[in-house]
Protein backbone atom coordinates (compact mmCIF):
# COMPACT_ATOMS: atom_id res chain seq x y z
CA MET A 1 0.00 0.00 0.02
CA GLU A 2 2.75 2.44 0.95
CA LEU A 3 4.59 1.76 -2.32
CA LEU A 4 1.53 2.79 -4.29
CA ILE A 5 0.76 5.93 -2.29
CA ARG A 6 4.30 7.17 -1.87
CA GLY A 7 4.96 7.62 -5.58
CA SER A 8 5.86 4.41 -7.31
CA LYS A 9 5.39 4.39 -11.05
CA GLN A 10 2.54 2.29 -12.33
CA GLU A 11 4.80 0.49 -14.77
CA ASP A 12 6.88 -0.68 -11.83
CA LEU A 13 3.90 -2.34 -10.26
CA ASP A 14 2.06 -5.43 -11.38
CA LEU A 15 -1.23 -6.38 -9.73
CA ALA A 16 -0.20 -10.02 -9.92
CA VAL A 17 2.32 -9.24 -7.14
CA PHE A 18 -0.62 -8.54 -4.79
CA ARG A 19 -2.59 -11.69 -5.57
CA GLY A 20 -0.79 -14.09 -3.22
CA PRO A 21 -0.67 -11.70 -0.22
CA ILE A 22 -4.30 -10.60 -0.58
CA ASP A 23 -5.58 -14.15 -0.94
CA LEU A 24 -3.49 -15.23 2.10
CA LEU A 25 -4.82 -12.30 4.17
CA ASP A 26 -8.33 -13.15 3.10
CA LEU A 27 -7.85 -16.73 4.21
CA VAL A 28 -6.36 -15.77 7.54
CA LEU A 29 -9.10 -13.18 8.30
CA SER A 30 -11.87 -15.59 7.28
CA GLN A 31 -10.52 -18.21 9.70
CA ALA A 32 -9.92 -15.84 12.63
CA PRO A 33 -12.27 -16.32 15.57
CA SER A 34 -15.06 -13.68 15.50
CA GLY A 35 -15.16 -11.18 18.29
CA GLU A 36 -11.47 -11.47 19.18
CA GLU A 37 -10.43 -8.03 20.41
CA GLY A 38 -8.01 -6.08 18.21
CA VAL A 39 -7.34 -8.79 15.68
CA PHE A 40 -6.39 -7.24 12.36
CA GLU A 41 -7.95 -3.85 13.25
CA ASN A 42 -4.80 -2.13 12.05
CA VAL A 43 -4.82 -3.97 8.73
CA LEU A 44 -8.43 -3.32 7.75
CA PRO A 45 -8.04 0.44 7.07
CA ASN A 46 -5.30 -0.43 4.54
CA VAL A 47 -7.57 -3.13 3.04
CA PHE A 48 -10.24 -0.44 2.54
CA LEU A 49 -7.77 1.96 0.92
CA PHE A 50 -6.40 -0.78 -1.31
CA GLY A 51 -9.84 -2.06 -2.34
CA TYR A 52 -11.68 1.22 -2.79
CA LEU A 53 -9.20 4.09 -3.19
CA ILE A 54 -6.38 2.70 -5.30
CA PRO A 55 -8.52 1.21 -8.10
CA ASP A 56 -10.26 4.56 -8.66
CA CYS A 57 -7.02 6.52 -8.92
CA VAL A 58 -6.57 7.45 -12.56
CA VAL A 59 -2.83 7.87 -12.15
CA TYR A 60 -2.38 4.09 -11.87
CA GLY A 61 -4.74 2.99 -14.60
CA PHE A 62 -5.59 -0.25 -12.75
CA ASP A 63 -8.59 -2.36 -13.65
CA ALA A 64 -11.05 -1.74 -10.76
CA GLY A 65 -12.58 -5.15 -11.41
CA SER A 66 -9.28 -6.95 -10.84
CA HIS A 67 -9.27 -9.97 -8.53
CA VAL A 68 -7.08 -8.29 -5.88
CA PHE A 69 -9.39 -5.32 -5.58
CA THR A 70 -12.52 -7.49 -5.53
CA VAL A 71 -11.07 -9.68 -2.71
CA ALA A 72 -10.05 -6.56 -0.74
CA ARG A 73 -13.59 -5.12 -1.00
CA GLU A 74 -15.17 -8.38 -0.04
CA MET A 75 -12.79 -8.70 2.91
CA TRP A 76 -13.61 -5.18 4.11
CA GLU A 77 -17.34 -5.79 3.97
CA ARG A 78 -17.10 -9.13 5.69
CA GLU A 79 -14.76 -8.07 8.43
CA THR A 80 -16.55 -4.80 9.23
CA ASP A 81 -19.96 -6.44 9.49
CA LEU A 82 -21.45 -5.38 12.82
CA GLN A 83 -22.56 -8.89 13.69
CA LYS A 84 -19.06 -10.30 13.14
CA ALA A 85 -16.85 -7.52 14.48
CA GLY A 86 -19.15 -5.78 16.91
CA LYS A 87 -20.01 -2.14 17.22
CA GLU A 88 -16.96 -1.07 19.25
CA ALA A 89 -14.53 -2.80 16.89
CA CYS A 90 -16.20 -1.20 13.87
CA GLU A 91 -16.00 2.19 15.48
CA ARG A 92 -12.24 1.72 16.17
CA ILE A 93 -11.65 0.52 12.60
CA THR A 94 -13.61 3.47 11.19
CA ALA A 95 -11.71 5.93 13.40
CA SER A 96 -8.42 4.42 12.23
CA LEU A 97 -9.52 4.65 8.60
CA LYS A 98 -10.44 8.33 9.05
CA SER A 99 -7.03 8.93 10.52
CA ARG A 100 -5.28 7.28 7.59
CA LEU A 101 -7.34 9.31 5.13
CA ARG A 102 -6.52 12.50 7.05
CA GLU A 103 -2.78 11.60 6.92
CA LEU A 104 -2.99 11.06 3.15
CA LEU A 105 -4.65 14.44 2.66
CA ILE A 106 -1.99 16.41 4.57
CA ASP A 107 1.12 14.32 3.65
CA THR A 108 3.21 16.26 1.12
CA GLN A 109 5.03 13.07 0.10
CA VAL A 110 1.87 11.41 -1.31
CA GLN A 111 1.60 11.76 -5.04
CA PRO A 112 -1.62 13.22 -6.46
CA LEU A 113 -4.07 10.39 -6.88
């Protein structure tokens, strides 16, 4: 995620590189016990950014329907479901996501997306 946001060139990145890690993360998250406090809460904001922000950034020219983005979006929706994560966990994840978005907006090292 940081490589994409911090100015890497699109031609240096191949979405196939993300396929293994995103599938592995999806498997691990889907097998984690529900309701376990703090599990993966720091990862989920990046999953959101990867699944929803990056594919819409024209600068990269990625296919928004790519497998890696679809899996990231499905993971986000599944893991932030109130019945699975709980209200407090969802609130913490949302607060963390807002913080990440705020950082992106004020960080002068982030390339225009």
